Amino acid sequence: MKETGGPAFPGQWDHGEAGVESFLGMDLRDYFAAKALQGLIAVPGSMTSVKQDVEWAYKYADAMMEARK
């Protein structure tokens, strides 16, 4: 399983007597992939196939995760 980097936008809400509830949202790897995909599809004529673009987006995300170590 790939390292996800944990939540991209973690947060907590205090519900008083009910306690604290955590909201984890998307993980950092997915966030990086989404940003990379934005760049990949922003260039007219650069798309090959949706599947291939998504695969490339995750390759970029994995490289970004590796660079953070």
N, C-alpha and C. Protein backbone atom coordinates (compact mmCIF):
# COMPACT_ATOMS: atom_id res chain seq x y z
N MET A 1 0.84 -1.19 0.00
CA MET A 1 0.00 0.00 0.00
C MET A 1 0.88 1.25 0.00
N LYS A 2 0.48 2.23 -0.76
CA LYS A 2 1.25 3.48 -0.88
C LYS A 2 1.09 4.31 0.39
N GLU A 3 2.16 5.03 0.71
CA GLU A 3 2.10 6.00 1.80
C GLU A 3 1.21 7.15 1.35
N THR A 4 0.25 7.53 2.18
CA THR A 4 -0.70 8.58 1.79
C THR A 4 -0.33 9.95 2.31
N GLY A 5 0.57 10.03 3.30
CA GLY A 5 0.95 11.31 3.85
C GLY A 5 -0.02 11.84 4.89
N GLY A 6 -1.04 11.07 5.20
CA GLY A 6 -2.03 11.53 6.17
C GLY A 6 -3.00 12.50 5.54
N PRO A 7 -3.86 13.09 6.35
CA PRO A 7 -4.88 13.99 5.82
C PRO A 7 -4.29 15.28 5.25
N ALA A 8 -4.85 15.74 4.14
CA ALA A 8 -4.40 16.99 3.52
C ALA A 8 -4.93 18.20 4.27
N PHE A 9 -6.12 18.10 4.78
CA PHE A 9 -6.77 19.22 5.48
C PHE A 9 -7.39 18.75 6.79
N PRO A 10 -6.58 18.36 7.75
CA PRO A 10 -7.16 17.86 9.00
C PRO A 10 -7.82 18.98 9.78
N GLY A 11 -8.77 18.61 10.57
CA GLY A 11 -9.43 19.59 11.41
C GLY A 11 -10.18 18.89 12.53
N GLN A 12 -10.55 19.63 13.52
CA GLN A 12 -11.33 19.08 14.62
C GLN A 12 -12.41 20.07 15.00
N TRP A 13 -13.52 19.54 15.42
CA TRP A 13 -14.61 20.35 15.92
C TRP A 13 -14.93 19.89 17.33
N ASP A 14 -15.10 20.84 18.21
CA ASP A 14 -15.45 20.52 19.59
C ASP A 14 -16.97 20.55 19.69
N HIS A 15 -17.53 19.42 20.07
CA HIS A 15 -18.98 19.32 20.21
C HIS A 15 -19.39 19.39 21.68
N GLY A 16 -18.68 20.17 22.45
CA GLY A 16 -19.02 20.35 23.85
C GLY A 16 -18.97 19.05 24.62
N GLU A 17 -20.07 18.73 25.28
CA GLU A 17 -20.12 17.52 26.09
C GLU A 17 -20.03 16.25 25.25
N ALA A 18 -20.33 16.36 23.98
CA ALA A 18 -20.28 15.18 23.10
C ALA A 18 -18.83 14.81 22.77
N GLY A 19 -17.89 15.67 23.05
CA GLY A 19 -16.48 15.38 22.78
C GLY A 19 -15.99 16.03 21.51
N VAL A 20 -14.83 15.63 21.08
CA VAL A 20 -14.19 16.19 19.90
C VAL A 20 -14.31 15.20 18.76
N GLU A 21 -14.70 15.70 17.62
CA GLU A 21 -14.83 14.87 16.42
C GLU A 21 -13.77 15.32 15.43
N SER A 22 -13.06 14.38 14.85
CA SER A 22 -12.02 14.70 13.86
C SER A 22 -12.57 14.53 12.46
N PHE A 23 -12.14 15.41 11.58
CA PHE A 23 -12.47 15.32 10.16
C PHE A 23 -11.16 15.22 9.42
N LEU A 24 -10.94 14.09 8.75
CA LEU A 24 -9.66 13.88 8.11
C LEU A 24 -9.64 14.31 6.65
N GLY A 25 -10.74 14.23 5.94
CA GLY A 25 -10.77 14.65 4.54
C GLY A 25 -9.90 13.77 3.66
N MET A 26 -9.52 14.29 2.51
CA MET A 26 -8.70 13.51 1.58
C MET A 26 -7.27 13.44 2.09
N ASP A 27 -6.56 12.39 1.65
CA ASP A 27 -5.17 12.29 2.08
C ASP A 27 -4.28 13.12 1.16
N LEU A 28 -3.06 13.35 1.63
CA LEU A 28 -2.14 14.25 0.94
C LEU A 28 -1.77 13.72 -0.45
N ARG A 29 -1.62 12.40 -0.58
CA ARG A 29 -1.27 11.82 -1.89
C ARG A 29 -2.37 12.11 -2.92
N ASP A 30 -3.63 11.95 -2.51
CA ASP A 30 -4.74 12.25 -3.42
C ASP A 30 -4.77 13.73 -3.78
N TYR A 31 -4.48 14.58 -2.81
CA TYR A 31 -4.45 16.02 -3.06
C TYR A 31 -3.37 16.36 -4.09
N PHE A 32 -2.17 15.79 -3.90
CA PHE A 32 -1.09 16.01 -4.86
C PHE A 32 -1.49 15.52 -6.25
N ALA A 33 -2.12 14.35 -6.32
CA ALA A 33 -2.54 13.79 -7.61
C ALA A 33 -3.58 14.69 -8.28
N ALA A 34 -4.50 15.23 -7.50
CA ALA A 34 -5.53 16.11 -8.06
C ALA A 34 -4.89 17.37 -8.64
N LYS A 35 -3.92 17.93 -7.93
CA LYS A 35 -3.24 19.12 -8.44
C LYS A 35 -2.44 18.80 -9.69
N ALA A 36 -1.77 17.66 -9.70
CA ALA A 36 -1.00 17.26 -10.89
C ALA A 36 -1.93 17.04 -12.07
N LEU A 37 -3.08 16.43 -11.83
CA LEU A 37 -4.04 16.18 -12.91
C LEU A 37 -4.56 17.49 -13.48
N GLN A 38 -4.77 18.49 -12.64
CA GLN A 38 -5.18 19.80 -13.13
C GLN A 38 -4.19 20.32 -14.15
N GLY A 39 -2.91 20.21 -13.84
CA GLY A 39 -1.88 20.68 -14.75
C GLY A 39 -1.82 19.86 -16.02
N LEU A 40 -1.98 18.55 -15.89
CA LEU A 40 -1.91 17.67 -17.06
C LEU A 40 -3.02 17.96 -18.06
N ILE A 41 -4.23 18.23 -17.57
CA ILE A 41 -5.35 18.43 -18.49
C ILE A 41 -5.53 19.89 -18.90
N ALA A 42 -4.74 20.78 -18.30
CA ALA A 42 -4.88 22.21 -18.62
C ALA A 42 -4.26 22.58 -19.96
N VAL A 43 -3.37 21.74 -20.46
CA VAL A 43 -2.68 22.04 -21.71
C VAL A 43 -3.47 21.45 -22.88
N PRO A 44 -4.03 22.30 -23.75
CA PRO A 44 -4.82 21.79 -24.87
C PRO A 44 -4.03 20.82 -25.74
N GLY A 45 -4.66 19.72 -26.07
CA GLY A 45 -4.04 18.73 -26.95
C GLY A 45 -3.05 17.80 -26.27
N SER A 46 -2.86 17.95 -24.96
CA SER A 46 -1.87 17.12 -24.28
C SER A 46 -2.44 15.82 -23.74
N MET A 47 -3.76 15.71 -23.66
CA MET A 47 -4.36 14.51 -23.09
C MET A 47 -4.18 13.32 -24.04
N THR A 48 -3.84 12.21 -23.45
CA THR A 48 -3.76 10.97 -24.22
C THR A 48 -5.03 10.18 -23.99
N SER A 49 -5.24 9.75 -22.78
CA SER A 49 -6.49 9.12 -22.36
C SER A 49 -6.70 9.49 -20.90
N VAL A 50 -7.90 9.45 -20.45
CA VAL A 50 -8.18 9.80 -19.06
C VAL A 50 -7.41 8.86 -18.13
N LYS A 51 -7.47 7.57 -18.43
CA LYS A 51 -6.79 6.60 -17.58
C LYS A 51 -5.29 6.89 -17.51
N GLN A 52 -4.67 7.17 -18.64
CA GLN A 52 -3.24 7.44 -18.65
C GLN A 52 -2.91 8.73 -17.91
N ASP A 53 -3.74 9.75 -18.07
CA ASP A 53 -3.51 11.02 -17.36
C ASP A 53 -3.59 10.81 -15.85
N VAL A 54 -4.56 10.02 -15.40
CA VAL A 54 -4.70 9.74 -13.97
C VAL A 54 -3.48 8.97 -13.46
N GLU A 55 -3.03 8.00 -14.24
CA GLU A 55 -1.84 7.24 -13.84
C GLU A 55 -0.63 8.17 -13.72
N TRP A 56 -0.47 9.10 -14.67
CA TRP A 56 0.63 10.06 -14.60
C TRP A 56 0.48 10.98 -13.39
N ALA A 57 -0.75 11.38 -13.09
CA ALA A 57 -0.98 12.25 -11.94
C ALA A 57 -0.50 11.58 -10.66
N TYR A 58 -0.79 10.28 -10.52
CA TYR A 58 -0.34 9.57 -9.32
C TYR A 58 1.17 9.34 -9.34
N LYS A 59 1.77 9.22 -10.50
CA LYS A 59 3.23 9.13 -10.56
C LYS A 59 3.85 10.44 -10.04
N TYR A 60 3.27 11.56 -10.45
CA TYR A 60 3.74 12.85 -9.93
C TYR A 60 3.51 12.94 -8.42
N ALA A 61 2.34 12.50 -7.98
CA ALA A 61 2.03 12.54 -6.54
C ALA A 61 3.01 11.68 -5.76
N ASP A 62 3.31 10.50 -6.27
CA ASP A 62 4.26 9.63 -5.57
C ASP A 62 5.65 10.27 -5.52
N ALA A 63 6.05 10.95 -6.58
CA ALA A 63 7.34 11.65 -6.59
C ALA A 63 7.34 12.78 -5.56
N MET A 64 6.22 13.48 -5.43
CA MET A 64 6.12 14.54 -4.44
C MET A 64 6.18 13.97 -3.03
N MET A 65 5.52 12.82 -2.83
CA MET A 65 5.57 12.17 -1.52
C MET A 65 7.00 11.75 -1.19
N GLU A 66 7.71 11.21 -2.16
CA GLU A 66 9.09 10.79 -1.96
C GLU A 66 9.99 11.99 -1.64
N ALA A 67 9.77 13.10 -2.31
CA ALA A 67 10.57 14.31 -2.08
C ALA A 67 10.39 14.87 -0.68
N ARG A 68 9.27 14.55 -0.05
CA ARG A 68 9.01 15.06 1.30
C ARG A 68 9.77 14.32 2.38
N LYS A 69 10.34 13.16 2.06
CA LYS A 69 11.03 12.35 3.08
C LYS A 69 12.34 12.98 3.49
